[in-house]
C-alpha atoms as a PDB file:
ATOM      1  CA  UNK A   1     -48.569  19.519  47.621  1.00  0.00           C
ATOM      2  CA  UNK A   2     -45.134  21.205  47.364  1.00  0.00           C
ATOM      3  CA  UNK A   3     -45.326  21.603  43.305  1.00  0.00           C
ATOM      4  CA  UNK A   4     -48.554  23.173  43.902  1.00  0.00           C
ATOM      5  CA  UNK A   5     -47.305  25.942  46.083  1.00  0.00           C
ATOM      6  CA  UNK A   6     -43.653  25.941  43.726  1.00  0.00           C
ATOM      7  CA  UNK A   7     -46.484  26.704  41.051  1.00  0.00           C
ATOM      8  CA  UNK A   8     -48.627  29.442  42.526  1.00  0.00           C
ATOM      9  CA  UNK A   9     -45.436  30.620  44.298  1.00  0.00           C
ATOM     10  CA  UNK A  10     -43.678  31.027  40.263  1.00  0.00           C
ATOM     11  CA  UNK A  11     -47.073  32.605  38.841  1.00  0.00           C
ATOM     12  CA  UNK A  12     -47.430  35.496  41.461  1.00  0.00           C
ATOM     13  CA  UNK A  13     -44.047  35.943  40.669  1.00  0.00           C
ATOM     14  CA  UNK A  14     -44.266  35.927  37.355  1.00  0.00           C
ATOM     15  CA  UNK A  15     -47.237  38.341  37.613  1.00  0.00           C
ATOM     16  CA  UNK A  16     -45.201  40.904  39.719  1.00  0.00           C
ATOM     17  CA  UNK A  17     -41.917  40.764  38.336  1.00  0.00           C
ATOM     18  CA  UNK A  18     -42.357  43.159  36.017  1.00  0.00           C
ATOM     19  CA  UNK A  19     -44.295  45.721  38.545  1.00  0.00           C
ATOM     20  CA  UNK A  20     -41.196  45.330  41.000  1.00  0.00           C
ATOM     21  CA  UNK A  21     -38.438  45.171  38.076  1.00  0.00           C
ATOM     22  CA  UNK A  22     -39.978  48.607  36.375  1.00  0.00           C
ATOM     23  CA  UNK A  23     -40.062  49.904  40.230  1.00  0.00           C
ATOM     24  CA  UNK A  24     -36.337  49.398  40.670  1.00  0.00           C
ATOM     25  CA  UNK A  25     -35.150  49.833  36.951  1.00  0.00           C
ATOM     26  CA  UNK A  26     -32.553  52.194  36.329  1.00  0.00           C
ATOM     27  CA  UNK A  27     -31.351  51.097  32.426  1.00  0.00           C
ATOM     28  CA  UNK A  28     -31.786  53.743  30.142  1.00  0.00           C
ATOM     29  CA  UNK A  29     -32.435  51.249  27.577  1.00  0.00           C
ATOM     30  CA  UNK A  30     -36.023  50.461  28.997  1.00  0.00           C
ATOM     31  CA  UNK A  31     -37.213  53.934  28.336  1.00  0.00           C
ATOM     32  CA  UNK A  32     -39.731  52.774  25.531  1.00  0.00           C
ATOM     33  CA  UNK A  33     -42.750  50.600  26.925  1.00  0.00           C
ATOM     34  CA  UNK A  34     -42.231  48.618  23.798  1.00  0.00           C
ATOM     35  CA  UNK A  35     -38.865  47.596  24.934  1.00  0.00           C
ATOM     36  CA  UNK A  36     -40.286  47.175  28.519  1.00  0.00           C
ATOM     37  CA  UNK A  37     -42.723  44.442  27.429  1.00  0.00           C
ATOM     38  CA  UNK A  38     -40.179  42.713  24.818  1.00  0.00           C
ATOM     39  CA  UNK A  39     -37.573  42.772  27.905  1.00  0.00           C
ATOM     40  CA  UNK A  40     -40.047  40.866  29.753  1.00  0.00           C
ATOM     41  CA  UNK A  41     -41.232  38.857  27.407  1.00  0.00           C
ATOM     42  CA  UNK A  42     -37.738  37.110  27.224  1.00  0.00           C
ATOM     43  CA  UNK A  43     -37.018  37.449  30.709  1.00  0.00           C
ATOM     44  CA  UNK A  44     -40.604  35.870  31.708  1.00  0.00           C
ATOM     45  CA  UNK A  45     -39.678  32.837  28.751  1.00  0.00           C
ATOM     46  CA  UNK A  46     -36.920  32.251  30.597  1.00  0.00           C
ATOM     47  CA  UNK A  47     -38.209  31.592  33.963  1.00  0.00           C
ATOM     48  CA  UNK A  48     -40.708  29.591  32.765  1.00  0.00           C
ATOM     49  CA  UNK A  49     -37.836  27.192  31.079  1.00  0.00           C
ATOM     50  CA  UNK A  50     -36.326  27.168  34.507  1.00  0.00           C
ATOM     51  CA  UNK A  51     -39.280  26.405  36.052  1.00  0.00           C
ATOM     52  CA  UNK A  52     -40.370  23.631  33.439  1.00  0.00           C
ATOM     53  CA  UNK A  53     -36.956  21.917  33.699  1.00  0.00           C
ATOM     54  CA  UNK A  54     -37.340  21.383  37.874  1.00  0.00           C
ATOM     55  CA  UNK A  55     -34.837  24.010  38.674  1.00  0.00           C
ATOM     56  CA  UNK A  56     -34.366  23.333  42.465  1.00  0.00           C
ATOM     57  CA  UNK A  57     -32.827  27.282  42.310  1.00  0.00           C
ATOM     58  CA  UNK A  58     -35.441  28.975  40.383  1.00  0.00           C
ATOM     59  CA  UNK A  59     -36.052  30.980  43.092  1.00  0.00           C
ATOM     60  CA  UNK A  60     -32.496  32.186  43.839  1.00  0.00           C
ATOM     61  CA  UNK A  61     -32.346  33.055  40.074  1.00  0.00           C
ATOM     62  CA  UNK A  62     -32.608  36.390  38.847  1.00  0.00           C
ATOM     63  CA  UNK A  63     -33.314  37.273  35.396  1.00  0.00           C
ATOM     64  CA  UNK A  64     -32.203  40.392  33.664  1.00  0.00           C
ATOM     65  CA  UNK A  65     -33.110  41.426  30.243  1.00  0.00           C
ATOM     66  CA  UNK A  66     -32.234  44.403  28.383  1.00  0.00           C
ATOM     67  CA  UNK A  67     -33.207  45.906  24.676  1.00  0.00           C
ATOM     68  CA  UNK A  68     -31.028  43.505  22.293  1.00  0.00           C
ATOM     69  CA  UNK A  69     -32.144  40.273  24.019  1.00  0.00           C
ATOM     70  CA  UNK A  70     -28.762  40.456  26.638  1.00  0.00           C
ATOM     71  CA  UNK A  71     -29.401  38.347  29.453  1.00  0.00           C
ATOM     72  CA  UNK A  72     -28.053  38.468  32.716  1.00  0.00           C
ATOM     73  CA  UNK A  73     -28.568  35.726  35.402  1.00  0.00           C
ATOM     74  CA  UNK A  74     -27.591  36.444  39.024  1.00  0.00           C
ATOM     75  CA  UNK A  75     -28.413  34.752  42.301  1.00  0.00           C
ATOM     76  CA  UNK A  76     -26.921  31.432  44.126  1.00  0.00           C
ATOM     77  CA  UNK A  77     -27.784  28.272  42.658  1.00  0.00           C
ATOM     78  CA  UNK A  78     -26.835  24.404  44.910  1.00  0.00           C
ATOM     79  CA  UNK A  79     -24.570  23.412  42.373  1.00  0.00           C
ATOM     80  CA  UNK A  80     -22.188  24.301  39.375  1.00  0.00           C
ATOM     81  CA  UNK A  81     -24.509  21.544  36.742  1.00  0.00           C
ATOM     82  CA  UNK A  82     -27.549  23.780  37.735  1.00  0.00           C
ATOM     83  CA  UNK A  83     -25.404  27.049  37.092  1.00  0.00           C
ATOM     84  CA  UNK A  84     -24.744  25.452  33.700  1.00  0.00           C
ATOM     85  CA  UNK A  85     -28.390  24.562  33.266  1.00  0.00           C
ATOM     86  CA  UNK A  86     -29.393  27.825  33.414  1.00  0.00           C
ATOM     87  CA  UNK A  87     -27.487  29.266  31.112  1.00  0.00           C
ATOM     88  CA  UNK A  88     -27.654  26.362  28.779  1.00  0.00           C
ATOM     89  CA  UNK A  89     -31.780  26.851  28.979  1.00  0.00           C
ATOM     90  CA  UNK A  90     -31.323  30.992  28.726  1.00  0.00           C
ATOM     91  CA  UNK A  91     -29.475  30.617  26.028  1.00  0.00           C
ATOM     92  CA  UNK A  92     -31.750  28.207  24.341  1.00  0.00           C
ATOM     93  CA  UNK A  93     -34.633  31.103  24.585  1.00  0.00           C
ATOM     94  CA  UNK A  94     -36.217  32.360  21.626  1.00  0.00           C
ATOM     95  CA  UNK A  95     -34.773  35.856  21.436  1.00  0.00           C
ATOM     96  CA  UNK A  96     -31.909  36.268  23.773  1.00  0.00           C
ATOM     97  CA  UNK A  97     -28.578  37.065  21.984  1.00  0.00           C
ATOM     98  CA  UNK A  98     -26.305  36.566  24.419  1.00  0.00           C
ATOM     99  CA  UNK A  99     -26.069  35.077  28.298  1.00  0.00           C
ATOM    100  CA  UNK A 100     -23.462  36.093  31.476  1.00  0.00           C
ATOM    101  CA  UNK A 101     -23.397  34.382  33.934  1.00  0.00           C
ATOM    102  CA  UNK A 102     -23.204  35.854  37.822  1.00  0.00           C
ATOM    103  CA  UNK A 103     -24.903  32.656  39.329  1.00  0.00           C
ATOM    104  CA  UNK A 104     -22.951  31.589  42.653  1.00  0.00           C
ATOM    105  CA  UNK A 105     -23.049  27.592  43.905  1.00  0.00           C
ATOM    106  CA  UNK A 106     -24.552  28.125  47.359  1.00  0.00           C
ATOM    107  CA  UNK A 107     -21.682  26.302  49.778  1.00  0.00           C
ATOM    108  CA  UNK A 108     -23.733  24.763  52.542  1.00  0.00           C
ATOM    109  CA  UNK A 109     -22.664  24.959  56.394  1.00  0.00           C
END
């Protein structure tokens, strides 16, 4: 049941992410629609690869891709291993030229 809920949430986020990203987007490099679609494809591939890896912190990782394929990962993860795995997955995704990580390991109180 939890996997079905997580999958449904992921699919909903994948469908709505381009809309939210466009509304929030302030990068000048995305002014052309084809560039925006290309960036969205790379971002969606990374998110799908993270889901395939069953990353428990998936919902807390934000992926941003610029027009040259440079990816920035932001958010919170449970362990440094999850952060390293997310960077590895992003680097191994087709179309990615570089990965910058701003992932923070969440300290449980």
